PDB file of N, CA and C in Angstrom:
ATOM      1  N   MET A   1      -6.557  -3.673  -9.768  1.00  0.00           N
ATOM      2  CA  MET A   1      -6.489  -4.359  -8.210  1.00  0.00           C
ATOM      3  C   MET A   1      -6.637  -6.177  -8.548  1.00  0.00           C
ATOM      4  N   THR A   2      -5.951  -6.920  -7.565  1.00  0.00           N
ATOM      5  CA  THR A   2      -5.546  -7.895  -7.755  1.00  0.00           C
ATOM      6  C   THR A   2      -7.011  -9.105  -6.796  1.00  0.00           C
ATOM      7  N   GLN A   3      -7.655  -9.751  -7.616  1.00  0.00           N
ATOM      8  CA  GLN A   3      -8.684 -10.289  -6.715  1.00  0.00           C
ATOM      9  C   GLN A   3      -8.250 -11.865  -6.892  1.00  0.00           C
ATOM     10  N   SER A   4      -8.651 -12.690  -5.427  1.00  0.00           N
ATOM     11  CA  SER A   4      -8.520 -13.879  -5.552  1.00  0.00           C
ATOM     12  C   SER A   4      -9.217 -14.480  -4.261  1.00  0.00           C
ATOM     13  N   VAL A   5     -10.212 -15.536  -4.564  1.00  0.00           N
ATOM     14  CA  VAL A   5     -10.698 -16.045  -3.875  1.00  0.00           C
ATOM     15  C   VAL A   5     -10.239 -16.739  -3.013  1.00  0.00           C
ATOM     16  N   VAL A   6     -10.539 -16.903  -1.532  1.00  0.00           N
ATOM     17  CA  VAL A   6      -9.968 -17.502  -0.323  1.00  0.00           C
ATOM     18  C   VAL A   6     -10.917 -18.423   0.175  1.00  0.00           C
ATOM     19  N   SER A   7     -12.166 -18.368   0.028  1.00  0.00           N
ATOM     20  CA  SER A   7     -12.895 -19.570   0.471  1.00  0.00           C
ATOM     21  C   SER A   7     -14.305 -19.175   0.200  1.00  0.00           C
ATOM     22  N   GLY A   8     -15.081 -20.046  -0.233  1.00  0.00           N
ATOM     23  CA  GLY A   8     -16.554 -19.555  -0.297  1.00  0.00           C
ATOM     24  C   GLY A   8     -16.933 -18.461  -1.110  1.00  0.00           C
ATOM     25  N   ASP A   9     -17.326 -17.427  -0.348  1.00  0.00           N
ATOM     26  CA  ASP A   9     -17.535 -15.799  -0.846  1.00  0.00           C
ATOM     27  C   ASP A   9     -16.792 -14.808  -0.299  1.00  0.00           C
ATOM     28  N   LEU A  10     -15.549 -15.582   0.269  1.00  0.00           N
ATOM     29  CA  LEU A  10     -14.574 -14.793   0.396  1.00  0.00           C
ATOM     30  C   LEU A  10     -13.551 -14.298  -0.320  1.00  0.00           C
ATOM     31  N   VAL A  11     -13.519 -13.182  -0.891  1.00  0.00           N
ATOM     32  CA  VAL A  11     -12.366 -12.855  -1.611  1.00  0.00           C
ATOM     33  C   VAL A  11     -11.299 -11.643  -1.180  1.00  0.00           C
ATOM     34  N   ALA A  12     -10.031 -12.064  -1.794  1.00  0.00           N
ATOM     35  CA  ALA A  12      -9.054 -11.166  -1.150  1.00  0.00           C
ATOM     36  C   ALA A  12      -8.899 -10.148  -2.434  1.00  0.00           C
ATOM     37  N   LEU A  13      -8.935  -8.753  -1.769  1.00  0.00           N
ATOM     38  CA  LEU A  13      -9.095  -7.686  -2.889  1.00  0.00           C
ATOM     39  C   LEU A  13      -7.609  -7.171  -2.437  1.00  0.00           C
ATOM     40  N   GLY A  14      -6.874  -7.790  -3.401  1.00  0.00           N
ATOM     41  CA  GLY A  14      -5.336  -7.451  -3.452  1.00  0.00           C
ATOM     42  C   GLY A  14      -4.554  -8.209  -2.609  1.00  0.00           C
ATOM     43  N   PRO A  15      -2.767  -8.228  -2.822  1.00  0.00           N
ATOM     44  CA  PRO A  15      -2.123  -9.291  -2.225  1.00  0.00           C
ATOM     45  C   PRO A  15      -2.254  -9.617  -0.508  1.00  0.00           C
ATOM     46  N   PRO A  16      -2.100 -10.549   0.016  1.00  0.00           N
ATOM     47  CA  PRO A  16      -2.330 -10.623   1.518  1.00  0.00           C
ATOM     48  C   PRO A  16      -0.588 -10.260   1.753  1.00  0.00           C
ATOM     49  N   ASP A  17      -0.324  -9.110   2.023  1.00  0.00           N
ATOM     50  CA  ASP A  17       0.957  -8.657   2.663  1.00  0.00           C
ATOM     51  C   ASP A  17       1.001  -8.634   3.410  1.00  0.00           C
ATOM     52  N   VAL A  18       1.283  -9.725   4.342  1.00  0.00           N
ATOM     53  CA  VAL A  18       1.481 -10.023   5.755  1.00  0.00           C
ATOM     54  C   VAL A  18       2.991 -10.636   5.955  1.00  0.00           C
ATOM     55  N   ARG A  19       3.659 -10.095   7.147  1.00  0.00           N
ATOM     56  CA  ARG A  19       5.108 -10.400   7.352  1.00  0.00           C
ATOM     57  C   ARG A  19       5.517 -10.849   8.453  1.00  0.00           C
ATOM     58  N   ARG A  20       6.463 -11.776   8.678  1.00  0.00           N
ATOM     59  CA  ARG A  20       6.390 -12.340   9.904  1.00  0.00           C
ATOM     60  C   ARG A  20       6.947 -11.129  10.850  1.00  0.00           C
ATOM     61  N   GLY A  21       6.500 -11.680  12.457  1.00  0.00           N
ATOM     62  CA  GLY A  21       6.782 -10.634  13.466  1.00  0.00           C
ATOM     63  C   GLY A  21       5.834  -9.464  13.493  1.00  0.00           C
ATOM     64  N   GLU A  22       4.726  -9.106  12.342  1.00  0.00           N
ATOM     65  CA  GLU A  22       3.863  -8.367  12.704  1.00  0.00           C
ATOM     66  C   GLU A  22       2.752  -8.433  13.428  1.00  0.00           C
ATOM     67  N   ILE A  23       2.567  -7.461  14.515  1.00  0.00           N
ATOM     68  CA  ILE A  23       1.068  -7.481  14.902  1.00  0.00           C
ATOM     69  C   ILE A  23      -0.221  -7.543  14.056  1.00  0.00           C
ATOM     70  N   ILE A  24      -0.767  -8.150  14.154  1.00  0.00           N
ATOM     71  CA  ILE A  24      -1.996  -8.516  13.069  1.00  0.00           C
ATOM     72  C   ILE A  24      -3.307  -7.993  13.769  1.00  0.00           C
ATOM     73  N   LEU A  25      -4.077  -7.469  13.652  1.00  0.00           N
ATOM     74  CA  LEU A  25      -5.442  -7.553  13.965  1.00  0.00           C
ATOM     75  C   LEU A  25      -6.403  -7.580  13.596  1.00  0.00           C
ATOM     76  N   TYR A  26      -7.499  -8.507  13.502  1.00  0.00           N
ATOM     77  CA  TYR A  26      -8.821  -9.372  12.673  1.00  0.00           C
ATOM     78  C   TYR A  26      -9.729  -8.735  13.094  1.00  0.00           C
ATOM     79  N   SER A  27     -10.721  -8.169  11.961  1.00  0.00           N
ATOM     80  CA  SER A  27     -11.708  -7.386  12.429  1.00  0.00           C
ATOM     81  C   SER A  27     -12.739  -7.883  10.800  1.00  0.00           C
ATOM     82  N   THR A  28     -14.410  -7.396  11.217  1.00  0.00           N
ATOM     83  CA  THR A  28     -15.063  -7.456  10.059  1.00  0.00           C
ATOM     84  C   THR A  28     -15.516  -6.299  10.119  1.00  0.00           C
ATOM     85  N   VAL A  29     -16.038  -5.617   9.055  1.00  0.00           N
ATOM     86  CA  VAL A  29     -16.698  -4.499   9.081  1.00  0.00           C
ATOM     87  C   VAL A  29     -17.752  -4.414   8.233  1.00  0.00           C
ATOM     88  N   GLY A  30     -18.946  -3.713   8.439  1.00  0.00           N
ATOM     89  CA  GLY A  30     -20.008  -3.458   7.227  1.00  0.00           C
ATOM     90  C   GLY A  30     -20.517  -1.854   7.491  1.00  0.00           C
ATOM     91  N   ASN A  31     -20.531  -1.014   6.537  1.00  0.00           N
ATOM     92  CA  ASN A  31     -20.711   0.276   6.632  1.00  0.00           C
ATOM     93  C   ASN A  31     -20.527   0.816   7.521  1.00  0.00           C
ATOM     94  N   GLN A  32     -19.350   1.009   7.566  1.00  0.00           N
ATOM     95  CA  GLN A  32     -18.505   1.565   8.936  1.00  0.00           C
ATOM     96  C   GLN A  32     -17.469   2.721   8.539  1.00  0.00           C
ATOM     97  N   ARG A  33     -17.935   3.124   7.331  1.00  0.00           N
ATOM     98  CA  ARG A  33     -16.890   4.631   7.288  1.00  0.00           C
ATOM     99  C   ARG A  33     -16.663   5.599   8.346  1.00  0.00           C
ATOM    100  N   GLU A  34     -17.502   5.867   8.517  1.00  0.00           N
ATOM    101  CA  GLU A  34     -17.515   7.133   9.421  1.00  0.00           C
ATOM    102  C   GLU A  34     -16.558   6.644  10.812  1.00  0.00           C
ATOM    103  N   ARG A  35     -16.932   5.772  11.155  1.00  0.00           N
ATOM    104  CA  ARG A  35     -15.986   5.104  12.193  1.00  0.00           C
ATOM    105  C   ARG A  35     -14.737   4.331  12.137  1.00  0.00           C
ATOM    106  N   ILE A  36     -14.497   3.823  11.070  1.00  0.00           N
ATOM    107  CA  ILE A  36     -13.077   2.866  10.879  1.00  0.00           C
ATOM    108  C   ILE A  36     -11.954   3.752  11.229  1.00  0.00           C
ATOM    109  N   PRO A  37     -12.016   5.013  10.630  1.00  0.00           N
ATOM    110  CA  PRO A  37     -10.754   5.801  10.943  1.00  0.00           C
ATOM    111  C   PRO A  37     -10.244   5.829  12.549  1.00  0.00           C
ATOM    112  N   PHE A  38     -11.427   6.097  13.202  1.00  0.00           N
ATOM    113  CA  PHE A  38     -10.924   6.120  14.920  1.00  0.00           C
ATOM    114  C   PHE A  38     -10.745   4.867  15.223  1.00  0.00           C
ATOM    115  N   MET A  39     -11.124   3.920  14.998  1.00  0.00           N
ATOM    116  CA  MET A  39     -10.688   2.089  15.049  1.00  0.00           C
ATOM    117  C   MET A  39      -9.057   2.151  14.633  1.00  0.00           C
ATOM    118  N   LEU A  40      -8.783   2.763  13.324  1.00  0.00           N
ATOM    119  CA  LEU A  40      -7.511   2.303  13.338  1.00  0.00           C
ATOM    120  C   LEU A  40      -6.558   2.963  13.774  1.00  0.00           C
ATOM    121  N   ASP A  41      -6.822   4.269  13.845  1.00  0.00           N
ATOM    122  CA  ASP A  41      -5.881   5.466  14.811  1.00  0.00           C
ATOM    123  C   ASP A  41      -5.365   4.824  15.936  1.00  0.00           C
ATOM    124  N   HIS A  42      -6.786   4.111  17.068  1.00  0.00           N
ATOM    125  CA  HIS A  42      -6.728   3.699  18.160  1.00  0.00           C
ATOM    126  C   HIS A  42      -5.756   2.261  18.121  1.00  0.00           C
ATOM    127  N   HIS A  43      -6.025   1.491  17.262  1.00  0.00           N
ATOM    128  CA  HIS A  43      -5.016   0.452  17.206  1.00  0.00           C
ATOM    129  C   HIS A  43      -3.366   0.428  16.612  1.00  0.00           C
ATOM    130  N   ARG A  44      -3.386   1.433  16.046  1.00  0.00           N
ATOM    131  CA  ARG A  44      -2.107   1.950  15.289  1.00  0.00           C
ATOM    132  C   ARG A  44      -1.234   2.410  16.427  1.00  0.00           C
ATOM    133  N   ARG A  45      -2.166   3.243  17.522  1.00  0.00           N
ATOM    134  CA  ARG A  45      -0.998   4.015  18.271  1.00  0.00           C
ATOM    135  C   ARG A  45      -0.700   2.984  19.499  1.00  0.00           C
ATOM    136  N   PHE A  46      -1.612   1.480  19.771  1.00  0.00           N
ATOM    137  CA  PHE A  46      -1.020   0.330  20.702  1.00  0.00           C
ATOM    138  C   PHE A  46      -0.024  -0.433  19.897  1.00  0.00           C
ATOM    139  N   GLY A  47       0.418  -0.176  18.604  1.00  0.00           N
ATOM    140  CA  GLY A  47       1.311  -1.079  17.581  1.00  0.00           C
ATOM    141  C   GLY A  47       0.900  -2.119  16.663  1.00  0.00           C
ATOM    142  N   VAL A  48      -0.442  -2.449  16.229  1.00  0.00           N
ATOM    143  CA  VAL A  48      -0.745  -2.872  15.346  1.00  0.00           C
ATOM    144  C   VAL A  48      -0.264  -2.478  14.046  1.00  0.00           C
ATOM    145  N   ASP A  49       0.579  -3.273  13.417  1.00  0.00           N
ATOM    146  CA  ASP A  49       1.335  -3.197  12.499  1.00  0.00           C
ATOM    147  C   ASP A  49       0.510  -3.856  10.891  1.00  0.00           C
ATOM    148  N   ARG A  50      -0.666  -4.530  10.911  1.00  0.00           N
ATOM    149  CA  ARG A  50      -1.367  -4.799   9.767  1.00  0.00           C
ATOM    150  C   ARG A  50      -2.659  -5.545  10.311  1.00  0.00           C
ATOM    151  N   PHE A  51      -3.417  -4.800   9.710  1.00  0.00           N
ATOM    152  CA  PHE A  51      -5.123  -5.037   9.777  1.00  0.00           C
ATOM    153  C   PHE A  51      -5.329  -5.971   9.184  1.00  0.00           C
ATOM    154  N   LEU A  52      -6.244  -7.173   8.905  1.00  0.00           N
ATOM    155  CA  LEU A  52      -6.995  -8.125   8.226  1.00  0.00           C
ATOM    156  C   LEU A  52      -8.147  -8.005   8.302  1.00  0.00           C
ATOM    157  N   ILE A  53      -8.866  -7.197   7.264  1.00  0.00           N
ATOM    158  CA  ILE A  53     -10.503  -6.707   7.745  1.00  0.00           C
ATOM    159  C   ILE A  53     -11.213  -7.327   6.379  1.00  0.00           C
ATOM    160  N   VAL A  54     -12.371  -7.847   6.915  1.00  0.00           N
ATOM    161  CA  VAL A  54     -13.260  -8.602   6.164  1.00  0.00           C
ATOM    162  C   VAL A  54     -14.179  -7.540   6.003  1.00  0.00           C
ATOM    163  N   ASP A  55     -14.930  -6.987   4.660  1.00  0.00           N
ATOM    164  CA  ASP A  55     -15.610  -5.976   4.602  1.00  0.00           C
ATOM    165  C   ASP A  55     -17.057  -7.102   4.427  1.00  0.00           C
ATOM    166  N   ASN A  56     -17.976  -6.545   4.857  1.00  0.00           N
ATOM    167  CA  ASN A  56     -19.064  -7.242   4.545  1.00  0.00           C
ATOM    168  C   ASN A  56     -19.914  -6.768   3.859  1.00  0.00           C
ATOM    169  N   ALA A  57     -19.856  -6.697   2.725  1.00  0.00           N
ATOM    170  CA  ALA A  57     -20.962  -5.730   1.530  1.00  0.00           C
ATOM    171  C   ALA A  57     -20.739  -4.501   1.632  1.00  0.00           C
ATOM    172  N   SER A  58     -20.033  -3.808   1.935  1.00  0.00           N
ATOM    173  CA  SER A  58     -20.259  -2.189   2.266  1.00  0.00           C
ATOM    174  C   SER A  58     -20.551  -1.622   1.216  1.00  0.00           C
ATOM    175  N   ASP A  59     -21.445  -0.363   1.420  1.00  0.00           N
ATOM    176  CA  ASP A  59     -21.880   0.211   0.191  1.00  0.00           C
ATOM    177  C   ASP A  59     -21.728   1.918   0.545  1.00  0.00           C
ATOM    178  N   ASP A  60     -21.162   2.064   1.524  1.00  0.00           N
ATOM    179  CA  ASP A  60     -20.728   3.647   1.920  1.00  0.00           C
ATOM    180  C   ASP A  60     -19.393   4.394   1.677  1.00  0.00           C
ATOM    181  N   GLY A  61     -18.651   3.326   0.887  1.00  0.00           N
ATOM    182  CA  GLY A  61     -17.326   3.835   0.709  1.00  0.00           C
ATOM    183  C   GLY A  61     -16.386   3.429   1.930  1.00  0.00           C
ATOM    184  N   THR A  62     -16.843   2.296   2.836  1.00  0.00           N
ATOM    185  CA  THR A  62     -15.838   1.508   3.299  1.00  0.00           C
ATOM    186  C   THR A  62     -14.904   0.855   2.871  1.00  0.00           C
ATOM    187  N   THR A  63     -15.233   0.235   2.059  1.00  0.00           N
ATOM    188  CA  THR A  63     -14.094  -0.790   1.177  1.00  0.00           C
ATOM    189  C   THR A  63     -13.011   0.351   0.575  1.00  0.00           C
ATOM    190  N   GLU A  64     -13.719   1.207  -0.152  1.00  0.00           N
ATOM    191  CA  GLU A  64     -12.808   2.096  -1.303  1.00  0.00           C
ATOM    192  C   GLU A  64     -11.694   2.815  -0.069  1.00  0.00           C
ATOM    193  N   PHE A  65     -12.044   3.123   0.989  1.00  0.00           N
ATOM    194  CA  PHE A  65     -11.487   4.005   2.498  1.00  0.00           C
ATOM    195  C   PHE A  65     -10.136   2.849   2.741  1.00  0.00           C
ATOM    196  N   LEU A  66     -10.746   1.724   2.876  1.00  0.00           N
ATOM    197  CA  LEU A  66      -9.705   0.727   3.466  1.00  0.00           C
ATOM    198  C   LEU A  66      -8.456   0.416   2.630  1.00  0.00           C
ATOM    199  N   LEU A  67      -8.994  -0.002   0.968  1.00  0.00           N
ATOM    200  CA  LEU A  67      -8.411  -0.253   0.422  1.00  0.00           C
ATOM    201  C   LEU A  67      -7.241   0.826   0.130  1.00  0.00           C
ATOM    202  N   ARG A  68      -7.117   2.182   0.699  1.00  0.00           N
ATOM    203  CA  ARG A  68      -6.125   3.224   0.425  1.00  0.00           C
ATOM    204  C   ARG A  68      -5.255   3.371   1.411  1.00  0.00           C
ATOM    205  N   GLN A  69      -5.387   2.416   2.253  1.00  0.00           N
ATOM    206  CA  GLN A  69      -4.508   2.126   3.699  1.00  0.00           C
ATOM    207  C   GLN A  69      -3.270   1.320   3.273  1.00  0.00           C
ATOM    208  N   ASP A  70      -2.058   1.794   3.772  1.00  0.00           N
ATOM    209  CA  ASP A  70      -1.076   0.829   3.202  1.00  0.00           C
ATOM    210  C   ASP A  70      -0.838  -0.187   4.095  1.00  0.00           C
ATOM    211  N   ASP A  71      -1.828  -0.486   5.137  1.00  0.00           N
ATOM    212  CA  ASP A  71      -1.373  -1.634   6.319  1.00  0.00           C
ATOM    213  C   ASP A  71      -2.536  -2.342   6.530  1.00  0.00           C
ATOM    214  N   ILE A  72      -3.376  -2.401   5.516  1.00  0.00           N
ATOM    215  CA  ILE A  72      -4.477  -3.546   5.635  1.00  0.00           C
ATOM    216  C   ILE A  72      -4.462  -4.110   4.263  1.00  0.00           C
ATOM    217  N   VAL A  73      -5.079  -5.565   4.626  1.00  0.00           N
ATOM    218  CA  VAL A  73      -5.624  -6.172   3.759  1.00  0.00           C
ATOM    219  C   VAL A  73      -6.954  -6.517   3.931  1.00  0.00           C
ATOM    220  N   VAL A  74      -7.557  -6.272   2.607  1.00  0.00           N
ATOM    221  CA  VAL A  74      -9.008  -6.498   2.649  1.00  0.00           C
ATOM    222  C   VAL A  74      -9.279  -7.558   2.131  1.00  0.00           C
ATOM    223  N   PHE A  75     -10.537  -8.014   2.517  1.00  0.00           N
ATOM    224  CA  PHE A  75     -11.365  -9.239   1.956  1.00  0.00           C
ATOM    225  C   PHE A  75     -13.205  -8.901   1.747  1.00  0.00           C
ATOM    226  N   HIS A  76     -13.553  -9.451   0.816  1.00  0.00           N
ATOM    227  CA  HIS A  76     -15.037  -8.801   0.651  1.00  0.00           C
ATOM    228  C   HIS A  76     -15.592 -10.233   0.768  1.00  0.00           C
ATOM    229  N   THR A  77     -16.839 -10.077   1.163  1.00  0.00           N
ATOM    230  CA  THR A  77     -17.947 -11.055   1.349  1.00  0.00           C
ATOM    231  C   THR A  77     -19.496 -10.352   1.382  1.00  0.00           C
ATOM    232  N   ALA A  78     -20.047 -11.118   0.233  1.00  0.00           N
ATOM    233  CA  ALA A  78     -21.311 -10.672   0.173  1.00  0.00           C
ATOM    234  C   ALA A  78     -22.340 -11.369   1.321  1.00  0.00           C
ATOM    235  N   ALA A  79     -21.643 -12.420   1.833  1.00  0.00           N
ATOM    236  CA  ALA A  79     -22.272 -13.333   3.293  1.00  0.00           C
ATOM    237  C   ALA A  79     -22.756 -12.658   3.889  1.00  0.00           C
ATOM    238  N   SER A  80     -23.616 -13.264   5.039  1.00  0.00           N
ATOM    239  CA  SER A  80     -24.017 -12.226   6.536  1.00  0.00           C
ATOM    240  C   SER A  80     -22.975 -12.442   7.264  1.00  0.00           C
ATOM    241  N   SER A  81     -22.784 -11.804   8.296  1.00  0.00           N
ATOM    242  CA  SER A  81     -21.332 -12.241   9.252  1.00  0.00           C
ATOM    243  C   SER A  81     -21.500 -13.233   9.937  1.00  0.00           C
ATOM    244  N   GLY A  82     -23.259 -13.895   9.987  1.00  0.00           N
ATOM    245  CA  GLY A  82     -23.117 -14.927  10.933  1.00  0.00           C
ATOM    246  C   GLY A  82     -22.806 -16.163  10.184  1.00  0.00           C
ATOM    247  N   GLU A  83     -22.799 -16.045   8.651  1.00  0.00           N
ATOM    248  CA  GLU A  83     -22.428 -17.132   8.011  1.00  0.00           C
ATOM    249  C   GLU A  83     -20.947 -17.147   7.275  1.00  0.00           C
ATOM    250  N   THR A  84     -20.279 -15.786   7.669  1.00  0.00           N
ATOM    251  CA  THR A  84     -18.703 -15.855   7.666  1.00  0.00           C
ATOM    252  C   THR A  84     -18.274 -16.523   8.757  1.00  0.00           C
ATOM    253  N   ARG A  85     -17.169 -17.427   8.470  1.00  0.00           N
ATOM    254  CA  ARG A  85     -16.469 -17.751   9.800  1.00  0.00           C
ATOM    255  C   ARG A  85     -15.031 -17.627   9.866  1.00  0.00           C
TER     256      ARG A  85
END
């Protein structure tokens, strides 16, 4: 897996594969493994092409689940959500 530091504690887990013209949704998550499939399905039905998701140090399998999705660019941070901008 390719990792690159974006800024401070923010690390991209894989290449930021975003294409011109895509409908993009940005979200932060933390330990949301049970809920995230429903959120993704909901927004996919409304036409979202790509998700940019900052995982806030999840330890419940959220990160691994997100990395298996073809339409998600995952970023990771161990900083608190109040500290990440």
